[in-house]
Protein backbone atom coordinates (compact mmCIF):
# COMPACT_ATOMS: atom_id res chain seq x y z
CA MET A 1 -0.21 -0.01 -0.13
CA LEU A 2 1.27 3.26 -0.97
CA LYS A 3 2.08 6.09 2.41
CA LYS A 4 4.79 7.81 1.68
CA TYR A 5 3.87 8.10 -1.86
CA SER A 6 -0.24 8.02 -1.99
CA ASN A 7 -0.76 10.96 -4.82
CA PHE A 8 2.84 9.19 -6.73
CA CYS A 9 1.64 9.52 -10.50
CA PRO A 10 4.45 7.26 -12.78
CA VAL A 11 3.02 9.29 -15.81
CA PRO A 12 5.38 11.80 -16.03
CA TRP A 13 8.02 9.67 -16.39
CA THR A 14 6.68 6.98 -18.79
CA GLN A 15 4.05 9.45 -21.25
CA ILE A 16 3.63 12.15 -23.72
CA ALA A 17 0.53 13.48 -24.28
CA THR A 18 -0.97 15.94 -27.61
CA SER A 19 -3.53 18.06 -27.28
CA THR A 20 -5.51 18.77 -30.72
CA SER A 21 -4.02 21.64 -32.92
CA GLY A 22 -0.84 19.53 -31.81
CA ASP A 23 1.01 21.41 -28.28
CA GLN A 24 2.57 19.29 -26.29
CA ARG A 25 0.87 17.96 -22.53
CA MET A 26 1.98 15.54 -19.58
CA CYS A 27 -1.52 13.07 -20.36
CA CYS A 28 -5.85 13.67 -20.91
CA MET A 29 -6.59 13.98 -17.61
CA MET A 30 -3.87 17.21 -17.54
CA ASP A 31 -6.54 19.38 -18.29
CA ARG A 32 -8.14 20.51 -14.54
CA ASP A 33 -7.58 24.78 -14.52
CA ASN A 34 -8.07 26.54 -11.18
CA GLY A 35 -7.32 30.37 -13.36
CA ILE A 36 -3.48 30.25 -11.88
CA ASP A 37 -1.52 30.20 -14.85
CA LEU A 38 1.58 27.89 -14.20
CA PRO A 39 4.41 26.69 -15.78
CA HIS A 40 3.09 22.75 -15.52
CA GLY A 41 -0.21 23.84 -16.55
CA LYS A 42 -2.05 21.95 -19.26
CA PHE A 43 0.28 22.51 -21.51
CA ILE A 44 4.57 21.55 -21.83
CA TYR A 45 7.28 24.74 -21.41
CA THR A 46 10.93 25.19 -21.56
CA ASN A 47 11.59 28.77 -20.97
CA ASN A 48 7.96 30.26 -21.15
CA LYS A 49 7.97 28.66 -24.89
CA LYS A 50 5.33 26.34 -25.06
CA LEU A 51 6.61 23.29 -26.64
CA THR A 52 4.74 21.54 -29.83
CA VAL A 53 4.55 18.25 -31.42
CA ARG A 54 7.15 19.33 -34.07
CA ASP A 55 9.53 19.39 -30.93
CA GLY A 56 10.04 16.18 -30.27
CA ILE A 57 10.33 13.74 -27.26
CA THR A 58 13.83 15.09 -26.02
CA SER A 59 12.23 18.48 -25.68
CA TYR A 60 9.31 17.66 -23.26
CA LEU A 61 11.10 15.26 -21.77
CA ASN A 62 13.77 17.61 -20.91
CA SER A 63 11.16 20.52 -20.33
CA ASP A 64 10.79 22.30 -17.18
CA SER A 65 7.73 21.49 -16.83
CA VAL A 66 8.15 18.17 -16.76
CA GLN A 67 10.88 17.97 -14.33
CA LEU A 68 8.35 20.49 -11.68
CA ILE A 69 5.34 17.70 -11.68
CA LYS A 70 8.24 15.31 -11.33
CA ASP A 71 9.02 16.98 -8.29
CA LEU A 72 6.30 17.67 -6.90
CA LEU A 73 5.25 13.91 -6.84
CA VAL A 74 8.14 12.93 -5.74
CA ASN A 75 7.51 14.83 -2.86
CA ASN A 76 3.74 13.22 -2.17
CA LYS A 77 2.27 16.67 -3.39
CA MET A 78 -0.54 16.94 -6.08
CA PRO A 79 -0.28 18.87 -9.47
CA HIS A 80 -2.56 21.57 -9.10
CA SER A 81 -4.14 21.13 -13.49
CA CYS A 82 -4.67 16.92 -12.43
CA GLU A 83 -8.31 15.84 -13.24
CA CYS A 84 -7.83 12.24 -11.59
CA TYR A 85 -7.26 13.64 -8.49
CA HIS A 86 -10.40 15.09 -7.98
CA ASN A 87 -12.11 12.16 -10.28
CA GLU A 88 -10.68 9.88 -7.80
CA GLU A 89 -12.59 11.91 -4.57
CA ILE A 90 -15.67 11.65 -7.04
CA LEU A 91 -15.44 7.66 -8.01
CA SER A 92 -14.76 4.98 -6.16
CA ASN A 93 -11.82 2.50 -6.69
CA ASN A 94 -14.05 -0.13 -7.79
CA THR A 95 -12.25 -1.79 -10.51
CA GLU A 96 -15.57 -2.70 -11.59
CA LYS A 97 -16.72 0.58 -11.49
CA HIS A 98 -13.63 3.23 -11.72
CA ILE A 99 -10.13 3.71 -12.26
CA SER A 100 -8.37 6.67 -12.60
CA LYS A 101 -5.73 6.90 -15.31
CA ARG A 102 -3.15 7.48 -12.10
CA ILE A 103 -4.64 3.86 -11.26
CA THR A 104 -4.11 2.23 -13.75
CA SER A 105 -0.60 3.29 -15.01
CA LEU A 106 0.86 2.78 -10.57
CA ASN A 107 -1.45 -0.76 -11.49
CA HIS A 108 1.11 -1.35 -15.05
CA HIS A 109 4.24 -0.28 -13.45
CA LYS A 110 3.18 -2.26 -9.77
CA LEU A 111 4.01 -0.24 -8.49
CA LEU A 112 1.49 -1.19 -4.98
CA THR A 113 4.36 -0.22 -2.10
CA ASP A 114 6.48 3.04 -0.80
CA GLU A 115 9.39 0.13 -1.83
CA ASP A 116 8.01 0.16 -5.70
CA VAL A 117 7.84 3.44 -6.31
CA GLU A 118 11.62 4.06 -4.69
CA GLU A 119 12.46 0.90 -7.08
CA PHE A 120 10.86 2.84 -9.97
CA LEU A 121 12.47 5.86 -8.82
CA LYS A 122 15.75 5.01 -9.64
CA LYS A 123 15.50 3.25 -12.96
CA GLU A 124 15.86 5.15 -16.33
CA HIS A 125 12.80 5.29 -17.81
CA LEU A 126 11.45 5.57 -21.95
CA ILE A 127 8.43 6.87 -23.20
CA ASP A 128 6.16 3.81 -23.66
CA TYR A 129 3.13 5.72 -24.00
CA TYR A 130 1.82 7.65 -26.07
CA ASP A 131 -0.74 9.73 -25.99
CA ILE A 132 -2.47 11.62 -29.67
CA ARG A 133 -5.35 13.29 -29.95
CA ILE A 134 -4.97 13.54 -33.41
CA GLY A 135 -6.91 16.66 -34.65
CA ASN A 136 -10.34 18.23 -34.39
CA ASN A 137 -11.50 16.61 -36.97
CA CYS A 138 -14.54 14.73 -36.69
CA ASN A 139 -18.27 14.11 -37.39
CA LEU A 140 -20.57 14.73 -34.35
CA GLN A 141 -21.99 17.99 -32.85
CA CYS A 142 -22.19 16.77 -29.59
CA VAL A 143 -23.64 18.79 -26.72
CA MET A 144 -20.99 18.31 -24.06
CA CYS A 145 -18.15 19.22 -26.67
CA SER A 146 -16.07 22.05 -28.08
CA SER A 147 -15.14 23.20 -31.57
CA SER A 148 -11.35 22.57 -30.57
CA LEU A 149 -12.02 18.71 -30.27
CA SER A 150 -14.76 18.61 -33.10
CA ASN A 151 -14.52 20.78 -36.27
CA GLN A 152 -18.54 20.77 -36.81
CA LEU A 153 -19.61 22.65 -33.18
CA TYR A 154 -17.99 25.91 -35.12
CA GLU A 155 -21.90 27.17 -35.55
CA GLN A 156 -22.86 26.20 -32.03
CA ASP A 157 -19.75 28.37 -30.18
CA LEU A 158 -20.57 30.85 -32.07
CA TYR A 159 -24.03 30.40 -31.31
CA ILE A 160 -23.14 30.89 -27.84
CA ASN A 161 -20.95 33.71 -28.70
CA ASP A 162 -23.26 35.43 -30.43
CA PHE A 163 -22.34 34.89 -33.44
CA ARG A 164 -19.61 37.24 -32.93
CA PRO A 165 -15.56 36.47 -34.55
CA ILE A 166 -13.88 33.32 -32.54
CA ASN A 167 -10.74 32.32 -32.04
CA VAL A 168 -9.85 29.18 -31.68
CA TYR A 169 -6.60 28.15 -30.40
CA GLY A 170 -5.57 30.94 -32.93
CA VAL A 171 -8.11 29.93 -36.18
CA ASP A 172 -10.87 32.40 -36.31
CA VAL A 173 -14.05 31.80 -36.78
CA LYS A 174 -17.02 34.01 -38.52
CA LYS A 175 -20.35 33.49 -39.39
CA GLU A 176 -20.87 35.87 -43.38
CA ASN A 177 -24.68 34.84 -45.36
CA ASN A 178 -25.62 32.56 -43.09
CA LYS A 179 -22.69 30.86 -43.74
CA ILE A 180 -19.77 29.72 -41.83
CA VAL A 181 -16.36 31.44 -42.56
CA ILE A 182 -12.60 30.15 -41.16
CA ASP A 183 -9.27 30.71 -42.89
CA LEU A 184 -8.52 26.68 -44.17
CA GLU A 185 -4.58 27.14 -44.05
CA LYS A 186 -4.98 28.34 -40.84
CA GLU A 187 -6.83 25.12 -39.39
CA LYS A 188 -4.44 23.08 -41.16
CA GLU A 189 -1.67 23.88 -39.79
CA VAL A 190 -3.30 24.28 -36.50
CA TYR A 191 -5.10 20.73 -36.49
CA GLY A 192 -3.71 19.33 -39.76
CA TRP A 193 0.39 18.12 -38.03
CA ALA A 194 -0.88 14.79 -37.70
CA ASN A 195 -0.20 14.63 -41.71
CA ASP A 196 1.99 11.91 -43.30
CA GLN A 197 5.03 13.34 -42.16
CA PHE A 198 4.21 13.49 -38.54
CA PHE A 199 3.95 9.85 -38.18
CA ILE A 200 6.62 8.91 -40.85
CA ASP A 201 8.96 10.66 -37.77
CA LEU A 202 6.94 8.63 -34.83
CA GLU A 203 7.64 5.06 -37.01
CA ASN A 204 11.37 5.89 -36.78
CA ILE A 205 11.50 7.04 -33.82
CA VAL A 206 9.28 3.38 -32.25
CA SER A 207 11.35 1.78 -34.90
CA ALA A 208 14.17 2.25 -33.17
CA GLN A 209 12.96 2.36 -29.98
CA ILE A 210 11.28 -1.26 -30.79
CA GLU A 211 14.88 -2.56 -32.62
CA LYS A 212 16.58 -2.01 -29.03
CA ASN A 213 14.44 -3.26 -26.93
CA PRO A 214 11.98 -5.98 -28.81
CA ASP A 215 10.37 -7.29 -25.08
CA LYS A 216 8.80 -3.74 -24.59
CA ILE A 217 5.18 -3.14 -25.18
CA ILE A 218 4.89 0.56 -26.26
CA THR A 219 1.06 1.41 -26.55
CA PHE A 220 -0.84 4.37 -28.59
CA TYR A 221 -3.76 5.62 -27.46
CA ILE A 222 -5.43 7.37 -30.64
CA LEU A 223 -8.25 9.80 -30.67
CA GLY A 224 -9.44 13.21 -31.56
CA GLY A 225 -12.02 14.36 -33.30
CA GLU A 226 -12.82 11.08 -34.50
CA PRO A 227 -8.73 9.43 -34.69
CA LEU A 228 -10.27 6.90 -37.79
CA LEU A 229 -11.01 9.36 -40.01
CA ASN A 230 -7.78 10.18 -39.89
CA LYS A 231 -5.62 7.99 -42.99
CA PRO A 232 -2.64 8.90 -42.11
CA HIS A 233 -2.13 7.19 -38.87
CA PHE A 234 -3.56 3.90 -40.35
CA LYS A 235 -0.85 3.77 -42.77
CA PHE A 236 1.13 4.37 -39.53
CA LEU A 237 0.05 1.63 -38.72
CA GLU A 238 0.29 -0.72 -41.76
CA ASN A 239 3.94 0.19 -41.96
CA LEU A 240 4.93 -0.72 -38.55
CA TYR A 241 3.24 -4.60 -39.19
CA LYS A 242 4.80 -4.39 -41.86
CA LYS A 243 7.77 -4.30 -40.32
CA GLY A 244 6.58 -7.35 -37.73
CA TYR A 245 7.12 -4.36 -35.22
CA ALA A 246 3.12 -4.85 -34.58
CA LYS A 247 3.54 -7.94 -31.82
CA SER A 248 6.02 -5.06 -29.74
CA ILE A 249 3.02 -2.54 -29.85
CA GLY A 250 -0.67 -2.24 -27.69
CA LEU A 251 -3.46 -0.18 -29.57
CA GLU A 252 -5.89 1.77 -27.15
CA TYR A 253 -8.42 3.88 -29.44
CA ASN A 254 -10.97 6.51 -28.03
CA THR A 255 -13.66 6.26 -30.94
CA ASN A 256 -17.36 7.34 -31.76
CA MET A 257 -18.68 3.57 -33.63
CA THR A 258 -19.91 5.67 -35.90
CA VAL A 259 -17.22 4.72 -38.94
CA SER A 260 -16.34 0.98 -38.72
CA ASN A 261 -15.77 -1.67 -41.06
CA ASN A 262 -13.94 -4.81 -41.73
CA GLU A 263 -10.91 -3.46 -43.01
CA ILE A 264 -9.79 -1.88 -39.40
CA LEU A 265 -10.30 -4.49 -36.96
CA ASN A 266 -8.45 -6.47 -39.22
CA LEU A 267 -6.17 -3.95 -39.16
CA TRP A 268 -6.83 -4.40 -35.41
CA THR A 269 -6.13 -7.66 -34.45
CA ASN A 270 -2.74 -7.23 -35.83
CA PHE A 271 -1.27 -6.01 -33.05
CA HIS A 272 -0.23 -7.47 -29.24
CA LEU A 273 -3.16 -5.73 -28.24
CA THR A 274 -6.06 -3.64 -28.90
CA THR A 275 -8.10 -1.68 -26.31
CA LEU A 276 -11.50 0.32 -27.45
CA ALA A 277 -13.42 2.89 -25.43
CA LEU A 278 -16.34 3.45 -27.07
CA SER A 279 -18.16 6.83 -26.43
CA ILE A 280 -21.39 5.85 -26.12
CA ASP A 281 -23.40 7.52 -23.21
CA ASP A 282 -26.98 6.74 -23.19
CA ILE A 283 -29.64 4.93 -25.42
CA GLU A 284 -32.09 5.21 -28.95
CA ASP A 285 -33.35 9.18 -29.06
CA ARG A 286 -31.39 10.76 -25.70
CA TYR A 287 -28.36 9.03 -27.25
CA GLU A 288 -28.55 10.98 -30.94
CA TYR A 289 -29.27 14.23 -29.47
CA ILE A 290 -26.45 14.18 -27.04
CA ARG A 291 -24.31 12.82 -30.15
CA TYR A 292 -26.15 14.19 -33.02
CA PRO A 293 -26.05 13.49 -35.85
CA ALA A 294 -25.44 9.54 -35.04
CA LYS A 295 -28.16 6.98 -35.64
CA TRP A 296 -28.69 4.90 -33.09
CA SER A 297 -29.48 2.07 -35.73
CA LYS A 298 -25.64 2.23 -37.14
CA ILE A 299 -24.42 2.33 -33.82
CA LEU A 300 -25.99 -0.98 -33.39
CA SER A 301 -24.92 -2.56 -35.86
CA ASN A 302 -21.16 -1.43 -35.81
CA LEU A 303 -21.31 -3.30 -32.18
CA SER A 304 -22.94 -6.25 -33.74
CA ALA A 305 -19.61 -6.74 -36.33
CA LEU A 306 -17.81 -6.08 -33.29
CA GLU A 307 -19.52 -8.28 -30.89
CA GLN A 308 -18.22 -10.82 -33.72
CA PHE A 309 -14.46 -9.79 -33.31
CA VAL A 310 -14.14 -9.50 -30.02
CA LYS A 311 -15.52 -13.07 -29.67
CA ASN A 312 -13.56 -14.81 -32.71
CA ARG A 313 -10.07 -12.30 -30.92
CA PRO A 314 -10.03 -11.88 -26.90
CA ASP A 315 -6.21 -12.90 -27.47
CA VAL A 316 -6.34 -9.03 -29.03
CA PHE A 317 -9.17 -7.16 -28.05
CA ARG A 318 -9.03 -7.39 -24.18
CA ALA A 319 -11.17 -4.81 -22.94
CA VAL A 320 -13.38 -3.44 -25.01
CA ASN A 321 -16.05 -0.85 -22.84
CA PHE A 322 -18.70 1.49 -23.41
CA VAL A 323 -16.95 4.90 -21.43
CA SER A 324 -19.66 7.09 -20.93
CA VAL A 325 -19.28 11.12 -19.93
CA ILE A 326 -21.55 11.58 -17.23
CA ASN A 327 -23.46 14.68 -17.19
CA LEU A 328 -26.79 16.45 -16.00
CA PHE A 329 -28.14 14.62 -19.71
CA THR A 330 -26.78 11.23 -18.71
CA VAL A 331 -26.82 10.92 -15.09
CA ASP A 332 -30.73 9.49 -14.49
CA ASN A 333 -29.44 7.01 -17.86
CA TYR A 334 -25.90 5.35 -17.29
CA SER A 335 -27.51 2.02 -15.69
CA ASN A 336 -30.06 1.75 -18.88
CA THR A 337 -26.65 2.36 -21.39
CA GLU A 338 -24.54 -0.21 -19.12
CA ALA A 339 -26.87 -2.38 -19.38
CA ILE A 340 -26.87 -1.84 -23.79
CA ALA A 341 -23.40 -2.90 -23.22
CA LYS A 342 -23.49 -6.02 -21.37
CA SER A 343 -26.00 -7.12 -24.08
CA PHE A 344 -23.06 -7.18 -26.70
CA GLY A 345 -20.59 -8.69 -24.61
CA LEU A 346 -19.02 -5.66 -23.49
CA GLY A 347 -18.09 -3.74 -20.49
CA SER A 348 -18.76 0.28 -19.12
CA GLY A 349 -17.58 2.49 -17.11
CA LYS A 350 -17.93 6.54 -16.37
CA LEU A 351 -16.36 9.59 -17.25
CA ILE A 352 -17.06 12.11 -14.75
CA GLY A 353 -18.02 15.40 -16.78
CA TRP A 354 -17.07 18.51 -15.64
CA GLY A 355 -17.64 20.83 -18.81
CA PRO A 356 -18.44 22.87 -20.60
CA LYS A 357 -20.59 25.17 -19.24
CA GLY A 358 -24.25 25.09 -19.14
CA THR A 359 -24.02 20.87 -19.08
CA THR A 360 -23.66 20.10 -16.08
CA PRO A 361 -25.41 19.90 -12.96
CA ALA A 362 -24.30 23.57 -11.96
CA VAL A 363 -27.54 24.16 -13.77
CA LEU A 364 -29.89 22.84 -11.22
CA THR A 365 -30.72 24.65 -8.39
CA LYS A 366 -30.56 22.40 -4.57
CA ASN A 367 -34.45 21.92 -5.07
CA GLU A 368 -34.27 20.53 -8.47
CA LYS A 369 -31.06 18.37 -7.69
CA ASP A 370 -33.42 16.27 -4.85
CA LYS A 371 -35.86 16.19 -8.14
CA PHE A 372 -33.88 15.39 -10.05
CA LEU A 373 -32.56 11.97 -7.76
CA ASN A 374 -35.77 10.33 -8.01
CA PHE A 375 -35.37 9.41 -11.35
CA ILE A 376 -31.42 7.57 -10.73
CA PRO A 377 -32.19 4.43 -10.03
CA ASN A 378 -31.10 3.45 -6.66
CA ASP A 379 -29.33 0.61 -8.09
CA HIS A 380 -25.59 -0.70 -7.90
CA ASN A 381 -24.37 2.59 -9.58
CA PHE A 382 -26.57 5.59 -7.33
CA ASP A 383 -24.54 6.26 -4.80
CA GLU A 384 -21.74 7.43 -7.26
CA LEU A 385 -24.18 9.39 -9.72
CA LYS A 386 -25.68 10.56 -5.95
CA LYS A 387 -22.31 12.23 -5.03
CA TYR A 388 -21.80 12.96 -8.99
CA LEU A 389 -24.89 15.16 -9.22
CA TYR A 390 -24.11 17.23 -5.05
CA SER A 391 -20.62 18.05 -6.60
CA PHE A 392 -21.62 20.86 -8.18
CA GLU A 393 -23.01 24.13 -7.18
CA PHE A 394 -25.84 25.72 -8.33
CA ASN A 395 -24.04 28.83 -11.41
CA GLN A 396 -26.63 30.82 -12.54
CA GLN A 397 -23.98 31.39 -15.60
CA ASP A 398 -24.21 28.00 -16.57
CA ARG A 399 -28.46 27.98 -16.23
CA ASP A 400 -28.58 30.91 -18.69
CA ARG A 401 -26.14 28.78 -21.18
CA PHE A 402 -27.90 26.39 -20.55
CA PHE A 403 -31.21 27.60 -21.92
CA LYS A 404 -29.47 29.78 -24.13
CA LEU A 405 -28.51 26.12 -26.56
CA LEU A 406 -31.55 23.94 -25.86
CA SER A 407 -33.21 25.62 -28.59
CA PHE A 408 -29.64 26.23 -30.88
CA TRP A 409 -29.75 21.98 -30.54
CA ASP A 410 -33.85 21.59 -30.41
CA SER A 411 -33.49 23.63 -34.30
CA LYS A 412 -30.37 21.84 -35.35
CA ARG A 413 -31.77 18.18 -33.62
CA ARG A 414 -35.16 18.51 -34.78
CA LYS A 415 -35.69 16.52 -31.34
CA SER A 416 -38.01 18.38 -28.38
CA PHE A 417 -35.33 18.59 -26.36
CA ASN A 418 -38.90 18.37 -23.49
CA LYS A 419 -39.92 14.40 -25.43
CA THR A 420 -36.28 13.36 -25.38
CA PHE A 421 -34.99 14.08 -21.97
CA ILE A 422 -38.50 14.02 -19.61
CA ASN A 423 -37.46 13.61 -16.32
CA LEU A 424 -35.02 16.52 -16.47
CA ALA A 425 -37.11 18.27 -18.53
CA SER A 426 -39.69 18.10 -15.73
CA VAL A 427 -37.24 19.22 -13.36
CA LEU A 428 -36.53 21.72 -14.71
CA GLU A 429 -40.47 23.07 -16.01
CA VAL A 430 -39.48 23.62 -19.19
C-alpha cells in the first residue's frame, strides 16, 4: 500500500500526450484549470515557451514543466492541473466501477508499495505510452464538446458568442451571409499536424526503440476528433505491421463508433492487443440528441460487427468498453446504457463530465437536484451518481448557457428536448 507516495503517478516518466492542436501535454487528464497560469498547467513549457509535437520528444523529457511535476510527485504533492485526483474523490476505485488514469498507470507498472516507487525512481525510463489526439476532425456535434475537439461545432460556438467572431487556438471563425467562414490554411496548420510526415517521424522513433528493446510493449492511445477519420495513422500502423513490429505494440482507441469496417478491425487484430473505449453515453433518441447526427441504428449495427471480432479474437480485444460521459443529460440513464453494453458482451465505465458550462449539474438548484435524484435508479450505481450530482454548486451563468443552447440544439436536431429528456425537463419545468 502506498503511504509515503500516496499521490504518486508514473505518467511523467513514461508518457507523452498531445492536444488536438499539437501542443504537448503530459496526459489526457491534465485538464483541470483553477485559474492560475503555472508552468505545470495544461501544456508543457520550457523557458516560457509552449512545446508542440514539432519540438520532439527530447524537448518534452527535458522540459521545465515535466521536471516540476516530477518534483511535486516525488514529494507526494498533487499537481494542481491533474484531473485524476478530483475524479477519484467522486468515484470509488472499485475496479468494476472506475479506475482513474493515475491508478491504471500505477497498476500497469506494479507500483503498489512505497518500496516499488523507490525502485521505479532509480531506473531510467523511456516513453512507452503515446497519447495522440489527432486533430479536431470529427463527424459529430456532441452537446458536451467544443470546436477545439470537433470541427463540426464552429456554428454552435459562434451561437454561444452571439455570432461574434471567435478564435479557436489561433483559427479565426466567423459567420457571413449565413455561412461559416474560416481560414482553411490556418486550420490545416493548427489541426492538420497529424499528417504523413508526423507519422513517418514517429515510425522512425518507434522502430529504433523496438529494435533496441523488442520485449518492451509500446502503447498508442489514439483519439481525436474522431480518430478513425485520420488516414495517415492507418498507414503508420500498416508500416509497423509490415516491419514485423506489431507484436511489440498495443493500441488504445477512443472512438464514437460511427466509423467502423472489417478492414479496420482486421488491421487491429495483428497487434499485441487492442483496447477500445466506445463513446456511447446513452441510448436511442437520447443518444441521437447528445451525439447528433449519429444514428442509434448505425451504432447497433457497428456494435454487432465488433461483437463478433471480440468473440473471435479475445486474445487481441482484451478490453472493449462503453465509456460514458456522466453529465446533466446522462446521469439518470447510465444504468440503461450499462445494460446495452452488457447485451453485446462489452464492459462499461463512467467518464466524469466537469464541463463545458451548461452540461453539468451546476445548471440545477439544490431543490432541483433533490427532485432529479428521484429519477436515478437505486441500484449499484446510485451512490456514485448521487455524489456526482451534488458535487456541483449552482451556477447561474451555466444555467443561462444551458437555456440559451436549448433552442439551438432543438433546431439542429429537429427533436424536442422536452420529449427526449423527460425527467430533466420536468425538473426544470420546461
